[in-house]
Protein backbone atom coordinates (compact mmCIF):
# COMPACT_ATOMS: atom_id res chain seq x y z
CA ASP A 1 104.83 89.96 164.22
CA ILE A 2 102.60 92.81 165.31
CA GLY A 3 105.13 95.51 164.47
CA ASP A 4 105.47 94.24 160.91
CA ILE A 5 101.71 94.13 160.47
CA ILE A 6 101.25 97.66 161.76
CA ARG A 7 104.08 98.96 159.61
CA GLY A 8 102.75 97.09 156.56
CA LYS A 9 105.89 94.97 156.17
CA ASP A 10 104.60 91.52 157.11
CA LEU A 11 105.73 88.90 154.61
CA TYR A 12 103.08 86.35 155.57
CA LEU A 13 100.28 86.45 153.05
CA GLY A 14 98.48 83.21 153.93
CA TYR A 15 98.34 79.76 152.44
CA ASP A 16 94.96 79.79 150.76
CA ASP A 17 92.57 82.26 149.18
CA GLU A 18 90.57 82.74 152.39
CA GLU A 19 93.65 83.71 154.42
CA LYS A 20 94.87 85.99 151.65
CA LYS A 21 91.45 87.65 151.55
CA GLN A 22 91.47 88.19 155.33
CA ARG A 23 95.02 89.55 155.13
CA LYS A 24 93.95 92.01 152.40
CA GLN A 25 90.96 93.12 154.53
CA LEU A 26 93.26 93.72 157.51
CA ASP A 27 95.69 95.73 155.39
CA ASP A 28 92.84 97.78 153.90
CA LYS A 29 91.48 98.53 157.39
CA LEU A 30 94.93 99.61 158.58
CA LYS A 31 95.33 101.85 155.52
CA ASN A 32 91.95 103.43 156.30
CA ILE A 33 92.90 103.99 159.96
CA TYR A 34 96.20 105.60 159.04
CA LYS A 35 94.54 107.74 156.38
CA LYS A 36 92.20 109.10 159.07
CA ILE A 37 95.16 109.75 161.37
CA HIS A 38 97.02 111.47 158.52
CA ASP A 39 94.02 113.63 157.64
CA ASP A 40 93.50 114.57 161.29
CA VAL A 41 97.15 115.48 161.82
CA THR A 42 97.34 117.66 158.70
CA LYS A 43 93.88 119.27 158.77
CA ASN A 44 94.98 122.39 160.66
CA GLY A 45 97.71 123.30 158.21
CA ALA A 46 100.33 121.16 159.92
CA LYS A 47 103.32 120.40 157.76
CA ASP A 48 102.79 117.14 155.94
CA ARG A 49 106.08 115.31 156.32
CA ASN A 50 104.47 112.01 155.35
CA LYS A 51 104.32 112.28 151.57
CA ASP A 52 103.31 108.65 151.00
CA THR A 53 99.53 109.08 150.99
CA THR A 54 98.57 105.74 149.41
CA ASN A 55 99.93 103.36 152.04
CA ASN A 56 101.00 105.89 154.68
CA ASN A 57 104.14 103.83 155.31
CA GLU A 58 105.99 106.71 156.94
CA LEU A 59 103.04 107.44 159.22
CA ARG A 60 102.71 103.76 160.10
CA GLU A 61 106.40 103.64 160.99
CA ASP A 62 106.11 106.81 163.09
CA TRP A 63 103.00 105.49 164.87
CA TRP A 64 104.75 102.22 165.68
CA ASN A 65 107.82 104.03 167.03
CA ALA A 66 105.63 106.24 169.22
CA ASN A 67 103.34 103.46 170.51
CA ARG A 68 105.36 100.25 170.60
CA GLN A 69 105.85 100.48 174.40
CA ASP A 70 102.08 100.74 174.93
CA VAL A 71 101.44 97.83 172.56
CA TRP A 72 104.02 95.79 174.46
CA LYS A 73 102.29 96.63 177.76
CA ALA A 74 98.94 95.53 176.33
CA ILE A 75 100.38 92.26 175.03
CA THR A 76 102.08 91.40 178.33
CA PHE A 77 99.20 92.51 180.56
CA LEU A 78 98.10 88.96 181.39
CA CYS A 79 101.61 88.10 182.56
CA THR A 80 101.36 90.54 185.46
CA HIS A 81 100.00 89.49 188.82
CA ASP A 82 96.84 91.58 188.49
CA GLY A 83 96.18 90.31 184.99
CA ALA A 84 96.71 86.72 186.08
CA SER A 85 93.83 87.03 188.53
CA TYR A 86 91.44 87.26 185.57
CA ILE A 87 92.53 83.88 184.26
CA THR A 88 90.28 81.00 185.26
CA SER A 89 91.65 78.25 187.48
CA ASN A 90 91.36 75.81 184.56
CA MET A 91 93.86 77.87 182.60
CA TRP A 92 96.25 78.43 185.52
CA TRP A 93 98.43 75.36 184.82
CA TRP A 94 98.63 76.31 181.16
CA THR A 95 99.64 79.84 182.13
CA LYS A 96 102.33 78.54 184.46
CA TYR A 97 103.53 76.26 181.67
CA GLU A 98 103.69 79.19 179.26
CA LEU A 99 105.54 81.31 181.81
CA ARG A 100 107.94 78.42 182.41
CA LEU A 101 108.69 78.36 178.69
CA ILE A 102 109.41 82.08 178.82
CA ILE A 103 111.66 81.68 181.86
CA THR A 104 113.65 78.86 180.25
CA ALA A 105 114.15 81.11 177.26
CA ASP A 106 116.27 83.40 179.49
CA VAL A 107 113.56 86.02 179.89
CA PRO A 108 113.46 87.44 183.43
CA SER A 109 110.74 85.90 185.56
CA GLN A 110 107.82 87.83 187.02
CA GLU A 111 109.56 87.87 190.42
CA THR A 112 112.68 89.61 189.09
CA THR A 113 111.16 91.94 186.51
CA SER A 114 107.57 92.70 185.73
CA PRO A 115 106.75 92.28 182.02
CA MET A 116 105.23 95.74 182.16
CA THR A 117 108.65 97.25 182.90
CA ARG A 118 110.71 95.23 180.44
CA SER A 119 111.43 96.70 177.06
CA PRO A 120 109.83 95.20 173.96
CA PRO A 121 112.01 92.97 171.79
CA ILE A 122 114.44 94.81 169.54
CA LEU A 123 113.75 92.64 166.51
CA ASP A 124 111.78 95.31 164.64
CA TYR A 125 114.38 95.76 161.96
CA VAL A 126 115.59 92.18 161.64
CA PRO A 127 114.08 90.72 158.46
CA GLN A 128 111.16 88.46 159.32
CA ILE A 129 112.68 85.47 157.57
CA LEU A 130 115.69 85.62 159.93
CA ARG A 131 113.65 85.66 163.15
């Protein structure tokens, strides 16, 4: 799940060496990004409340808490009417099928609630193995 990956808590490491290598590269890139954010936030003498400087776990958690709504909006963009207009006609049936799966899973339909206004799932702190 995207929240686990951003926060560095994803349990999935891959099945083979290639996937594990790609996973390590992703984690290294995220560490580099958060190091830059950490350095930028603290460069002007700001109090450094994030003491974990190797993995920046606290900063990653704070970033996720501050930006999860925007990430959710980006993920659900294609479910909105305007976003759907960018989908080719060949994919339209597939999109309707996917939306039908979402509707049968007791998620409000596009007519009742726009995905952009719904809250993201609250499964952030449920262990991944239980989801």
